[in-house]
Structures are given as structure tokens and as C-alpha cells.
């Protein structure tokens, strides 16, 4: 099993920045794909960003068009923590953000083969006011 705990959400004005963190624990050696997805009330779940893992190497970070150029996904291997740096936030970014992981390689903003990530956290709320 893999446990994921998000933090760093909050309220910010449009144009501001936030950094989300996701602490991973458990059998993380099995994980080759990590990412973030979000869900706003009344909207479909949206994959935000993913990154592939190969040992201590990360590669092929991928972003949804709606966040490209504004969000950056990264991983600190020493801390086993995934980050999502969010800049130039817009009101449309308001949502619950979830950290996710999967033993399948990432394809696009989700796990290969489609479907949901095998593991996800409880979420952290991001609210952007205009």
C-alpha cells in the first residue's frame, strides 16, 4: 500500500501563487507515475500534471493545457515528496487538488491504460478569488 498526504492548499487572490506538497509513504518502490488531479463542484475530474519516475530520476512531466506554463510538478526524492508549484492562479483553478500515484507509467495526465490512479490522497482545497 501507498499513503499520500497533501498539504499547502489555501485561499489566494488571482495572480497569486501556491505550492502544494504530497508526502508519500509505504511501498513507494512500486510507483513509477505520480501526479495531481483536481475536481471542482459540478465539474469533471481533471488531470493537472504527471511525472514519471525511474529510480531517482524524474522525466516526461506532462501538463493539462489549462495549466501549461503556470504550474510545475517536481519531486524531492530525499524527502519522498511531490510538489505542484502553481503560479498566476486564476479563479478557474479553484478546486480540490489530489495527489496520486500508480505502478503504471504515466501517459498524458493519467496512468497508462486509462482509468483512475491506483492511489490518491484526501485532497487539499485551493480557492482563488478574483
Protein backbone atom coordinates (compact mmCIF):
# COMPACT_ATOMS: atom_id res chain seq x y z
CA UNK A 1 0.00 0.00 0.00
CA UNK A 2 0.99 3.60 -0.61
CA UNK A 3 -0.13 6.53 1.52
CA UNK A 4 -0.28 10.07 0.16
CA UNK A 5 -0.86 13.16 2.28
CA UNK A 6 -1.34 16.55 0.64
CA UNK A 7 -0.76 19.97 2.16
CA UNK A 8 -0.32 23.56 1.07
CA UNK A 9 -3.75 24.47 -0.15
CA UNK A 10 -5.46 27.70 0.82
CA UNK A 11 -7.08 30.88 -0.40
CA UNK A 12 -5.27 33.27 -2.68
CA UNK A 13 -6.13 36.16 -4.96
CA UNK A 14 -5.99 35.79 -8.71
CA UNK A 15 -2.45 36.19 -9.96
CA UNK A 16 -1.00 34.73 -6.79
CA UNK A 17 0.94 31.52 -6.16
CA UNK A 18 0.69 28.41 -4.03
CA UNK A 19 2.85 25.31 -3.66
CA UNK A 20 1.17 22.03 -2.91
CA UNK A 21 3.10 19.21 -1.26
CA UNK A 22 2.41 15.49 -1.18
CA UNK A 23 4.26 13.26 1.27
CA UNK A 24 4.42 9.66 0.11
CA UNK A 25 4.97 6.64 2.35
CA UNK A 26 4.54 2.90 2.28
CA UNK A 27 5.54 0.68 -0.62
CA UNK A 28 6.64 3.58 -2.81
CA UNK A 29 9.24 1.49 -4.65
CA UNK A 30 6.39 0.17 -6.80
CA UNK A 31 5.39 3.63 -8.02
CA UNK A 32 6.53 4.84 -11.46
CA UNK A 33 3.95 7.57 -12.05
CA UNK A 34 2.91 10.41 -9.76
CA UNK A 35 0.65 13.32 -10.45
CA UNK A 36 -2.03 15.75 -9.44
CA UNK A 37 -5.64 15.92 -10.43
CA UNK A 38 -8.38 18.31 -9.36
CA UNK A 39 -12.11 18.39 -9.06
CA UNK A 40 -14.34 21.42 -8.72
CA UNK A 41 -18.01 21.29 -7.74
CA UNK A 42 -20.16 20.45 -10.75
CA UNK A 43 -17.16 19.78 -12.97
CA UNK A 44 -15.47 16.61 -14.15
CA UNK A 45 -12.24 15.43 -12.62
CA UNK A 46 -9.27 16.90 -14.48
CA UNK A 47 -5.76 15.59 -14.66
CA UNK A 48 -3.43 18.52 -13.95
CA UNK A 49 0.13 17.21 -14.18
CA UNK A 50 2.09 13.98 -14.06
CA UNK A 51 5.71 12.95 -13.80
CA UNK A 52 7.37 9.60 -14.46
CA UNK A 53 9.83 8.07 -12.02
CA UNK A 54 12.81 5.82 -12.74
CA UNK A 55 14.72 5.29 -9.52
CA UNK A 56 15.98 8.70 -8.53
CA UNK A 57 15.31 10.14 -11.99
CA UNK A 58 12.15 12.01 -12.95
CA UNK A 59 11.20 12.54 -16.55
CA UNK A 60 8.44 13.34 -19.00
CA UNK A 61 6.47 15.80 -16.89
CA UNK A 62 3.17 16.50 -18.63
CA UNK A 63 0.59 19.20 -18.06
CA UNK A 64 -3.01 19.87 -18.92
CA UNK A 65 -3.34 22.66 -21.48
CA UNK A 66 -5.24 24.72 -18.91
CA UNK A 67 -2.20 24.94 -16.61
CA UNK A 68 0.72 24.69 -19.02
CA UNK A 69 3.24 27.45 -18.44
CA UNK A 70 1.80 28.26 -15.00
CA UNK A 71 2.17 25.04 -12.99
CA UNK A 72 5.29 22.96 -12.38
CA UNK A 73 5.42 19.43 -10.98
CA UNK A 74 8.54 18.20 -9.23
CA UNK A 75 9.73 15.58 -6.75
CA UNK A 76 12.23 15.67 -3.91
CA UNK A 77 13.50 12.11 -3.71
CA UNK A 78 15.29 12.63 -0.40
CA UNK A 79 12.00 13.69 1.20
CA UNK A 80 9.85 11.38 -0.93
CA UNK A 81 7.62 14.38 -1.54
CA UNK A 82 5.84 15.52 -4.69
CA UNK A 83 5.22 19.20 -5.31
CA UNK A 84 2.97 21.30 -7.51
CA UNK A 85 4.09 24.90 -7.87
CA UNK A 86 1.14 26.96 -9.05
CA UNK A 87 1.74 30.49 -10.36
CA UNK A 88 -0.52 33.08 -11.98
CA UNK A 89 -3.53 31.44 -10.42
CA UNK A 90 -6.95 32.05 -11.90
CA UNK A 91 -10.44 31.67 -10.46
CA UNK A 92 -10.88 28.65 -12.75
CA UNK A 93 -8.13 26.90 -10.77
CA UNK A 94 -10.40 26.74 -7.72
CA UNK A 95 -10.84 23.06 -6.87
CA UNK A 96 -9.90 20.26 -4.53
CA UNK A 97 -6.45 19.06 -5.55
CA UNK A 98 -5.45 15.44 -5.12
CA UNK A 99 -2.06 13.82 -5.21
CA UNK A 100 -1.98 10.48 -6.97
CA UNK A 101 0.36 7.59 -7.72
CA UNK A 102 0.36 4.47 -9.84
CA UNK A 103 2.61 1.50 -10.65
CA UNK A 104 1.90 2.04 -14.35
CA UNK A 105 3.86 4.55 -16.39
CA UNK A 106 2.17 7.92 -16.88
CA UNK A 107 0.61 8.64 -20.25
CA UNK A 108 -0.58 12.21 -20.62
CA UNK A 109 -2.05 13.42 -17.36
CA UNK A 110 -3.06 9.99 -16.15
CA UNK A 111 -1.79 6.43 -15.72
CA UNK A 112 -1.11 4.30 -18.77
CA UNK A 113 -4.05 2.13 -19.75
CA UNK A 114 -6.53 4.73 -18.60
CA UNK A 115 -8.77 4.68 -15.58
CA UNK A 116 -8.03 6.15 -12.21
CA UNK A 117 -4.75 6.26 -10.37
CA UNK A 118 -4.26 3.29 -8.05
CA UNK A 119 -3.55 5.57 -5.08
CA UNK A 120 -4.67 9.08 -4.17
CA UNK A 121 -4.73 11.30 -1.12
CA UNK A 122 -7.55 13.03 0.70
CA UNK A 123 -7.09 16.28 -1.17
CA UNK A 124 -6.30 19.88 -0.33
CA UNK A 125 -8.58 22.79 -1.21
CA UNK A 126 -7.37 25.63 -3.41
CA UNK A 127 -9.60 28.71 -3.67
CA UNK A 128 -8.70 31.57 -5.98
CA UNK A 129 -10.66 34.79 -5.70
CA UNK A 130 -10.86 37.32 -8.49
